[in-house]
Amino acid sequence: QVQLVESGGGLVQAGGSLRLSCAASGRTFSSYAMGWFRQAPGKEREFVAAISWSGVRTYYADSVKGRFTISRDNAKNTVYLQMNSLKPEDTAVYYCAAPHFQYYSGNGIADFGSWGQGTQVTVSS
């Protein structure tokens, strides 16, 4: 079982930036894809971004494409989400996630089975 711990959330003004980090343990991190999701109050958890085990392939929700960047450092067992040009609608709890299997198949939340505790991101207008 993999353990995931997110950090880096906070309060930022619209147009600002934040970088989220997710430290993983308990599984061979470098062999697995990783993902970020978010959940706003009263809404379902939604896919934000994913990255292949090597970091070569990345995937983004249309709502964040061009503003957010997912990356990973396999030597540090850490995945990052750099968020730029933040908007009030980006306000949510952000979750790091590890997939059931090694690869992300493009099926969004269905591919993921392990979750961190989440970190709050609030963007003020």
C-alpha atoms as a PDB file:
ATOM      1  CA  GLN A   1       0.000   0.000   0.000  1.00  0.00           C
ATOM      2  CA  VAL A   2       1.267   3.444  -0.862  1.00  0.00           C
ATOM      3  CA  GLN A   3       1.123   6.415   1.493  1.00  0.00           C
ATOM      4  CA  LEU A   4       0.718   9.909   0.056  1.00  0.00           C
ATOM      5  CA  VAL A   5       1.186  13.227   1.847  1.00  0.00           C
ATOM      6  CA  GLU A   6       0.348  16.506   0.124  1.00  0.00           C
ATOM      7  CA  SER A   7       1.653  19.941   1.043  1.00  0.00           C
ATOM      8  CA  GLY A   8       1.837  23.438  -0.384  1.00  0.00           C
ATOM      9  CA  GLY A   9      -1.778  24.537  -0.363  1.00  0.00           C
ATOM     10  CA  GLY A  10      -2.863  27.947   0.873  1.00  0.00           C
ATOM     11  CA  LEU A  11      -4.609  31.211   0.114  1.00  0.00           C
ATOM     12  CA  VAL A  12      -3.595  33.152  -2.986  1.00  0.00           C
ATOM     13  CA  GLN A  13      -5.045  36.001  -5.001  1.00  0.00           C
ATOM     14  CA  ALA A  14      -6.380  35.455  -8.489  1.00  0.00           C
ATOM     15  CA  GLY A  15      -3.541  35.438 -10.983  1.00  0.00           C
ATOM     16  CA  GLY A  16      -1.105  34.104  -8.434  1.00  0.00           C
ATOM     17  CA  SER A  17       0.777  30.819  -8.240  1.00  0.00           C
ATOM     18  CA  LEU A  18       1.178  27.874  -5.898  1.00  0.00           C
ATOM     19  CA  ARG A  19       3.182  24.666  -6.062  1.00  0.00           C
ATOM     20  CA  LEU A  20       1.783  21.538  -4.488  1.00  0.00           C
ATOM     21  CA  SER A  21       3.979  18.625  -3.488  1.00  0.00           C
ATOM     22  CA  CYS A  22       3.107  15.010  -2.790  1.00  0.00           C
ATOM     23  CA  ALA A  23       5.552  12.731  -1.014  1.00  0.00           C
ATOM     24  CA  ALA A  24       5.015   9.029  -1.597  1.00  0.00           C
ATOM     25  CA  SER A  25       6.177   5.994   0.340  1.00  0.00           C
ATOM     26  CA  GLY A  26       5.433   2.298   0.595  1.00  0.00           C
ATOM     27  CA  ARG A  27       5.679   1.385  -3.081  1.00  0.00           C
ATOM     28  CA  THR A  28       8.235   1.670  -5.852  1.00  0.00           C
ATOM     29  CA  PHE A  29       7.346   5.242  -6.734  1.00  0.00           C
ATOM     30  CA  SER A  30       9.359   5.386  -9.927  1.00  0.00           C
ATOM     31  CA  SER A  31       7.416   2.478 -11.454  1.00  0.00           C
ATOM     32  CA  TYR A  32       3.980   4.087 -11.270  1.00  0.00           C
ATOM     33  CA  ALA A  33       2.091   6.920 -12.846  1.00  0.00           C
ATOM     34  CA  MET A  34       0.729   9.575 -10.474  1.00  0.00           C
ATOM     35  CA  GLY A  35      -2.159  11.986 -10.537  1.00  0.00           C
ATOM     36  CA  TRP A  36      -3.727  15.085  -9.034  1.00  0.00           C
ATOM     37  CA  PHE A  37      -7.438  15.567  -8.445  1.00  0.00           C
ATOM     38  CA  ARG A  38      -9.510  18.269  -6.796  1.00  0.00           C
ATOM     39  CA  GLN A  39     -12.864  18.561  -5.100  1.00  0.00           C
ATOM     40  CA  ALA A  40     -14.747  21.798  -4.583  1.00  0.00           C
ATOM     41  CA  PRO A  41     -17.568  22.098  -2.009  1.00  0.00           C
ATOM     42  CA  GLY A  42     -20.704  20.408  -3.235  1.00  0.00           C
ATOM     43  CA  LYS A  43     -19.003  18.987  -6.311  1.00  0.00           C
ATOM     44  CA  GLU A  44     -17.580  15.629  -7.283  1.00  0.00           C
ATOM     45  CA  ARG A  45     -13.880  14.947  -7.233  1.00  0.00           C
ATOM     46  CA  GLU A  46     -12.428  15.729 -10.648  1.00  0.00           C
ATOM     47  CA  PHE A  47      -9.293  14.874 -12.560  1.00  0.00           C
ATOM     48  CA  VAL A  48      -6.677  17.625 -12.815  1.00  0.00           C
ATOM     49  CA  ALA A  49      -3.492  16.058 -14.170  1.00  0.00           C
ATOM     50  CA  ALA A  50      -1.510  12.839 -14.429  1.00  0.00           C
ATOM     51  CA  ILE A  51       2.048  11.901 -15.260  1.00  0.00           C
ATOM     52  CA  SER A  52       3.640   8.673 -16.456  1.00  0.00           C
ATOM     53  CA  TRP A  53       6.220   6.839 -14.375  1.00  0.00           C
ATOM     54  CA  SER A  54       9.052   8.326 -16.399  1.00  0.00           C
ATOM     55  CA  GLY A  55       7.591  11.818 -16.543  1.00  0.00           C
ATOM     56  CA  VAL A  56       7.612  11.785 -20.326  1.00  0.00           C
ATOM     57  CA  ARG A  57       3.846  11.720 -20.708  1.00  0.00           C
ATOM     58  CA  THR A  58       1.538  14.211 -19.029  1.00  0.00           C
ATOM     59  CA  TYR A  59      -2.224  14.598 -19.130  1.00  0.00           C
ATOM     60  CA  TYR A  60      -4.361  17.580 -18.161  1.00  0.00           C
ATOM     61  CA  ALA A  61      -7.976  18.519 -17.730  1.00  0.00           C
ATOM     62  CA  ASP A  62      -9.038  21.130 -20.254  1.00  0.00           C
ATOM     63  CA  SER A  63      -9.805  23.551 -17.433  1.00  0.00           C
ATOM     64  CA  VAL A  64      -6.159  23.692 -16.322  1.00  0.00           C
ATOM     65  CA  LYS A  65      -4.287  23.099 -19.571  1.00  0.00           C
ATOM     66  CA  GLY A  66      -1.708  25.821 -20.154  1.00  0.00           C
ATOM     67  CA  ARG A  67      -1.834  26.999 -16.524  1.00  0.00           C
ATOM     68  CA  PHE A  68      -0.877  23.934 -14.477  1.00  0.00           C
ATOM     69  CA  THR A  69       2.183  21.712 -14.846  1.00  0.00           C
ATOM     70  CA  ILE A  70       2.627  18.285 -13.310  1.00  0.00           C
ATOM     71  CA  SER A  71       6.132  16.962 -12.761  1.00  0.00           C
ATOM     72  CA  ARG A  72       7.933  14.389 -10.656  1.00  0.00           C
ATOM     73  CA  ASP A  73      11.287  13.702  -9.057  1.00  0.00           C
ATOM     74  CA  ASN A  74      11.717   9.944  -8.756  1.00  0.00           C
ATOM     75  CA  ALA A  75      14.861  10.352  -6.678  1.00  0.00           C
ATOM     76  CA  LYS A  76      12.774  12.174  -4.049  1.00  0.00           C
ATOM     77  CA  ASN A  77       9.612  10.062  -4.453  1.00  0.00           C
ATOM     78  CA  THR A  78       7.716  13.281  -4.998  1.00  0.00           C
ATOM     79  CA  VAL A  79       5.215  14.568  -7.535  1.00  0.00           C
ATOM     80  CA  TYR A  80       4.472  18.263  -7.993  1.00  0.00           C
ATOM     81  CA  LEU A  81       1.688  20.419  -9.343  1.00  0.00           C
ATOM     82  CA  GLN A  82       2.753  23.907 -10.357  1.00  0.00           C
ATOM     83  CA  MET A  83      -0.339  26.103 -10.599  1.00  0.00           C
ATOM     84  CA  ASN A  84      -0.075  29.463 -12.338  1.00  0.00           C
ATOM     85  CA  SER A  85      -2.653  32.087 -13.295  1.00  0.00           C
ATOM     86  CA  LEU A  86      -4.945  30.788 -10.605  1.00  0.00           C
ATOM     87  CA  LYS A  87      -8.642  31.583 -10.775  1.00  0.00           C
ATOM     88  CA  PRO A  88     -11.308  31.610  -8.055  1.00  0.00           C
ATOM     89  CA  GLU A  89     -12.839  28.530  -9.686  1.00  0.00           C
ATOM     90  CA  ASP A  90      -9.628  26.629  -8.905  1.00  0.00           C
ATOM     91  CA  THR A  91     -10.575  26.777  -5.231  1.00  0.00           C
ATOM     92  CA  ALA A  92     -10.809  23.196  -3.951  1.00  0.00           C
ATOM     93  CA  VAL A  93      -9.157  20.530  -1.876  1.00  0.00           C
ATOM     94  CA  TYR A  94      -6.406  19.031  -4.002  1.00  0.00           C
ATOM     95  CA  TYR A  95      -5.585  15.341  -3.697  1.00  0.00           C
ATOM     96  CA  CYS A  96      -2.565  13.383  -4.821  1.00  0.00           C
ATOM     97  CA  ALA A  97      -3.388   9.905  -6.106  1.00  0.00           C
ATOM     98  CA  ALA A  98      -1.649   6.698  -7.110  1.00  0.00           C
ATOM     99  CA  PRO A  99      -3.158   4.325  -9.657  1.00  0.00           C
ATOM    100  CA  HIS A 100      -4.263   0.736  -9.151  1.00  0.00           C
ATOM    101  CA  PHE A 101      -1.760  -0.358 -11.781  1.00  0.00           C
ATOM    102  CA  GLN A 102       1.436   1.133 -13.114  1.00  0.00           C
ATOM    103  CA  TYR A 103       0.008   3.061 -16.026  1.00  0.00           C
ATOM    104  CA  TYR A 104      -2.563   5.794 -16.369  1.00  0.00           C
ATOM    105  CA  SER A 105      -5.025   4.570 -18.992  1.00  0.00           C
ATOM    106  CA  GLY A 106      -6.923   7.816 -19.392  1.00  0.00           C
ATOM    107  CA  ASN A 107      -9.972   6.786 -17.391  1.00  0.00           C
ATOM    108  CA  GLY A 108      -9.708   9.549 -14.821  1.00  0.00           C
ATOM    109  CA  ILE A 109     -10.635   8.727 -11.254  1.00  0.00           C
ATOM    110  CA  ALA A 110     -11.377   5.064 -12.091  1.00  0.00           C
ATOM    111  CA  ASP A 111      -7.664   4.435 -12.589  1.00  0.00           C
ATOM    112  CA  PHE A 112      -6.711   5.543  -9.083  1.00  0.00           C
ATOM    113  CA  GLY A 113      -7.000   3.694  -5.793  1.00  0.00           C
ATOM    114  CA  SER A 114      -4.747   5.403  -3.263  1.00  0.00           C
ATOM    115  CA  TRP A 115      -5.277   8.946  -2.026  1.00  0.00           C
ATOM    116  CA  GLY A 116      -3.596  11.508   0.151  1.00  0.00           C
ATOM    117  CA  GLN A 117      -5.405  13.493   2.811  1.00  0.00           C
ATOM    118  CA  GLY A 118      -5.718  16.555   0.587  1.00  0.00           C
ATOM    119  CA  THR A 119      -4.519  20.136   0.791  1.00  0.00           C
ATOM    120  CA  GLN A 120      -6.762  23.194   0.584  1.00  0.00           C
ATOM    121  CA  VAL A 121      -6.224  25.729  -2.174  1.00  0.00           C
ATOM    122  CA  THR A 122      -8.223  28.940  -1.956  1.00  0.00           C
ATOM    123  CA  VAL A 123      -8.069  31.590  -4.672  1.00  0.00           C
ATOM    124  CA  SER A 124      -9.548  34.963  -3.800  1.00  0.00           C
ATOM    125  CA  SER A 125     -10.933  37.337  -6.413  1.00  0.00           C
END
